C-alpha atoms as a PDB file:
ATOM      1  CA  UNK A   1     -18.274  11.426   3.953  1.00  0.00           C
ATOM      2  CA  UNK A   2     -20.135   8.154   3.535  1.00  0.00           C
ATOM      3  CA  UNK A   3     -18.167   6.344   6.299  1.00  0.00           C
ATOM      4  CA  UNK A   4     -19.355   9.032   8.869  1.00  0.00           C
ATOM      5  CA  UNK A   5     -22.929   8.895   7.512  1.00  0.00           C
ATOM      6  CA  UNK A   6     -22.961   5.052   7.963  1.00  0.00           C
ATOM      7  CA  UNK A   7     -21.527   5.330  11.490  1.00  0.00           C
ATOM      8  CA  UNK A   8     -24.237   7.731  12.329  1.00  0.00           C
ATOM      9  CA  UNK A   9     -26.847   5.335  10.892  1.00  0.00           C
ATOM     10  CA  UNK A  10     -25.434   2.664  13.170  1.00  0.00           C
ATOM     11  CA  UNK A  11     -25.935   4.843  16.288  1.00  0.00           C
ATOM     12  CA  UNK A  12     -22.648   6.507  16.691  1.00  0.00           C
ATOM     13  CA  UNK A  13     -22.447  10.215  17.384  1.00  0.00           C
ATOM     14  CA  UNK A  14     -19.785  12.107  15.284  1.00  0.00           C
ATOM     15  CA  UNK A  15     -18.140  15.112  17.004  1.00  0.00           C
ATOM     16  CA  UNK A  16     -15.369  17.516  15.783  1.00  0.00           C
ATOM     17  CA  UNK A  17     -12.382  18.406  17.804  1.00  0.00           C
ATOM     18  CA  UNK A  18     -10.588  21.782  17.986  1.00  0.00           C
ATOM     19  CA  UNK A  19      -8.640  20.799  14.929  1.00  0.00           C
ATOM     20  CA  UNK A  20     -11.800  20.127  13.011  1.00  0.00           C
ATOM     21  CA  UNK A  21     -11.182  16.366  12.768  1.00  0.00           C
ATOM     22  CA  UNK A  22     -14.081  14.205  13.239  1.00  0.00           C
ATOM     23  CA  UNK A  23     -14.083  11.549  16.079  1.00  0.00           C
ATOM     24  CA  UNK A  24     -16.679   9.214  17.608  1.00  0.00           C
ATOM     25  CA  UNK A  25     -18.044  10.079  21.016  1.00  0.00           C
ATOM     26  CA  UNK A  26     -19.059   6.439  21.763  1.00  0.00           C
ATOM     27  CA  UNK A  27     -15.694   4.787  20.870  1.00  0.00           C
ATOM     28  CA  UNK A  28     -15.783   2.769  23.997  1.00  0.00           C
ATOM     29  CA  UNK A  29     -19.361   1.694  23.544  1.00  0.00           C
ATOM     30  CA  UNK A  30     -20.084  -1.911  22.708  1.00  0.00           C
ATOM     31  CA  UNK A  31     -21.962  -0.769  19.684  1.00  0.00           C
ATOM     32  CA  UNK A  32     -18.758   0.786  18.205  1.00  0.00           C
ATOM     33  CA  UNK A  33     -17.031  -2.455  16.945  1.00  0.00           C
ATOM     34  CA  UNK A  34     -20.170  -3.712  14.971  1.00  0.00           C
ATOM     35  CA  UNK A  35     -20.788  -0.195  13.532  1.00  0.00           C
ATOM     36  CA  UNK A  36     -17.102  -0.003  12.457  1.00  0.00           C
ATOM     37  CA  UNK A  37     -17.180  -3.329  10.782  1.00  0.00           C
ATOM     38  CA  UNK A  38     -20.379  -2.579   8.877  1.00  0.00           C
ATOM     39  CA  UNK A  39     -18.925   0.801   7.709  1.00  0.00           C
ATOM     40  CA  UNK A  40     -15.292  -0.061   7.189  1.00  0.00           C
ATOM     41  CA  UNK A  41     -15.501  -0.644   3.397  1.00  0.00           C
ATOM     42  CA  UNK A  42     -16.716   3.059   3.039  1.00  0.00           C
ATOM     43  CA  UNK A  43     -13.431   4.423   4.226  1.00  0.00           C
ATOM     44  CA  UNK A  44     -11.459   6.018   1.403  1.00  0.00           C
ATOM     45  CA  UNK A  45      -8.142   4.391   0.659  1.00  0.00           C
ATOM     46  CA  UNK A  46      -5.203   6.425   2.022  1.00  0.00           C
ATOM     47  CA  UNK A  47      -3.278   8.534  -0.517  1.00  0.00           C
ATOM     48  CA  UNK A  48      -0.201   6.667  -1.805  1.00  0.00           C
ATOM     49  CA  UNK A  49       2.990   7.755  -0.068  1.00  0.00           C
ATOM     50  CA  UNK A  50       5.053   9.538  -2.715  1.00  0.00           C
ATOM     51  CA  UNK A  51       8.724   8.217  -3.143  1.00  0.00           C
ATOM     52  CA  UNK A  52      11.487  10.691  -2.994  1.00  0.00           C
ATOM     53  CA  UNK A  53      13.263  11.527  -6.264  1.00  0.00           C
ATOM     54  CA  UNK A  54      16.292   9.576  -4.974  1.00  0.00           C
ATOM     55  CA  UNK A  55      14.154   6.635  -3.866  1.00  0.00           C
ATOM     56  CA  UNK A  56      12.249   6.544  -7.325  1.00  0.00           C
ATOM     57  CA  UNK A  57      15.653   6.645  -9.139  1.00  0.00           C
ATOM     58  CA  UNK A  58      17.089   3.712  -7.105  1.00  0.00           C
ATOM     59  CA  UNK A  59      13.822   1.644  -7.598  1.00  0.00           C
ATOM     60  CA  UNK A  60      14.168   2.480 -11.479  1.00  0.00           C
ATOM     61  CA  UNK A  61      17.857   1.289 -11.290  1.00  0.00           C
ATOM     62  CA  UNK A  62      16.966  -1.989  -9.617  1.00  0.00           C
ATOM     63  CA  UNK A  63      14.249  -2.854 -12.035  1.00  0.00           C
ATOM     64  CA  UNK A  64      16.632  -2.143 -14.922  1.00  0.00           C
ATOM     65  CA  UNK A  65      19.377  -4.197 -13.226  1.00  0.00           C
ATOM     66  CA  UNK A  66      17.022  -7.179 -12.748  1.00  0.00           C
ATOM     67  CA  UNK A  67      16.247  -6.982 -16.491  1.00  0.00           C
ATOM     68  CA  UNK A  68      19.876  -6.849 -17.351  1.00  0.00           C
ATOM     69  CA  UNK A  69      20.489  -9.944 -15.287  1.00  0.00           C
ATOM     70  CA  UNK A  70      17.944 -11.836 -17.489  1.00  0.00           C
ATOM     71  CA  UNK A  71      14.615 -11.366 -15.630  1.00  0.00           C
ATOM     72  CA  UNK A  72      12.938  -9.740 -18.658  1.00  0.00           C
ATOM     73  CA  UNK A  73       9.549  -9.684 -17.180  1.00  0.00           C
ATOM     74  CA  UNK A  74      10.646  -7.672 -14.043  1.00  0.00           C
ATOM     75  CA  UNK A  75       8.470  -4.488 -14.246  1.00  0.00           C
ATOM     76  CA  UNK A  76       9.334  -0.969 -13.674  1.00  0.00           C
ATOM     77  CA  UNK A  77       8.401   0.651 -10.351  1.00  0.00           C
ATOM     78  CA  UNK A  78       5.117   2.848  -9.789  1.00  0.00           C
ATOM     79  CA  UNK A  79       6.006   6.353 -10.858  1.00  0.00           C
ATOM     80  CA  UNK A  80       4.531   7.763  -7.639  1.00  0.00           C
ATOM     81  CA  UNK A  81       5.355   5.235  -4.885  1.00  0.00           C
ATOM     82  CA  UNK A  82       8.482   3.671  -6.296  1.00  0.00           C
ATOM     83  CA  UNK A  83       7.061   0.168  -5.390  1.00  0.00           C
ATOM     84  CA  UNK A  84       7.158  -2.751  -7.829  1.00  0.00           C
ATOM     85  CA  UNK A  85       3.729  -4.500  -8.111  1.00  0.00           C
ATOM     86  CA  UNK A  86       3.384  -8.114  -9.139  1.00  0.00           C
ATOM     87  CA  UNK A  87       0.360  -7.089 -11.222  1.00  0.00           C
ATOM     88  CA  UNK A  88       2.681  -5.025 -13.437  1.00  0.00           C
ATOM     89  CA  UNK A  89       4.594  -7.818 -14.815  1.00  0.00           C
ATOM     90  CA  UNK A  90       5.422 -11.432 -14.404  1.00  0.00           C
ATOM     91  CA  UNK A  91       3.273 -14.520 -13.490  1.00  0.00           C
ATOM     92  CA  UNK A  92       2.584 -15.607 -10.093  1.00  0.00           C
ATOM     93  CA  UNK A  93       4.987 -18.585 -10.623  1.00  0.00           C
ATOM     94  CA  UNK A  94       7.781 -16.317 -11.766  1.00  0.00           C
ATOM     95  CA  UNK A  95       7.523 -14.147  -8.558  1.00  0.00           C
ATOM     96  CA  UNK A  96       7.375 -17.170  -6.454  1.00  0.00           C
ATOM     97  CA  UNK A  97      10.569 -18.476  -8.127  1.00  0.00           C
ATOM     98  CA  UNK A  98      12.302 -15.090  -8.117  1.00  0.00           C
ATOM     99  CA  UNK A  99      14.539 -15.527  -5.046  1.00  0.00           C
ATOM    100  CA  UNK A 100      15.034 -19.337  -5.669  1.00  0.00           C
ATOM    101  CA  UNK A 101      16.152 -19.041  -9.483  1.00  0.00           C
ATOM    102  CA  UNK A 102      17.566 -15.678  -9.456  1.00  0.00           C
ATOM    103  CA  UNK A 103      19.164 -15.388  -5.996  1.00  0.00           C
ATOM    104  CA  UNK A 104      22.342 -13.479  -7.427  1.00  0.00           C
ATOM    105  CA  UNK A 105      20.383 -10.980  -9.526  1.00  0.00           C
ATOM    106  CA  UNK A 106      17.980 -10.484  -6.390  1.00  0.00           C
ATOM    107  CA  UNK A 107      20.997  -9.834  -4.102  1.00  0.00           C
ATOM    108  CA  UNK A 108      22.861  -7.616  -6.732  1.00  0.00           C
ATOM    109  CA  UNK A 109      20.013  -5.483  -7.837  1.00  0.00           C
ATOM    110  CA  UNK A 110      17.605  -4.961  -5.087  1.00  0.00           C
ATOM    111  CA  UNK A 111      18.419  -2.818  -2.086  1.00  0.00           C
ATOM    112  CA  UNK A 112      18.014  -4.368   1.395  1.00  0.00           C
ATOM    113  CA  UNK A 113      16.788  -2.253   4.295  1.00  0.00           C
ATOM    114  CA  UNK A 114      19.479  -1.087   6.550  1.00  0.00           C
END
């Protein structure tokens, strides 16, 4: 993995535990923070968390509800994570005004954490 190669190049020793997972021997070393900063961009992005079928269905219903309430630009959720991304619809101005201009739709359509 490029991250671990980079860390080795910055003087860190990579060891493998009983579970096979890599870890750094010198984690308490003053060299560790600068090495980590130099190599951090090489860490792979974590895999997206998959939404449950129920959460995905709720997210789809919420998006449809928002559009039924007149917010035609409101996007569908990501089919894997169930999250609505601003990049998938609407302008930044529309997103900024969403709660202010569409308070009732926001309250009626989007589930609130319990």
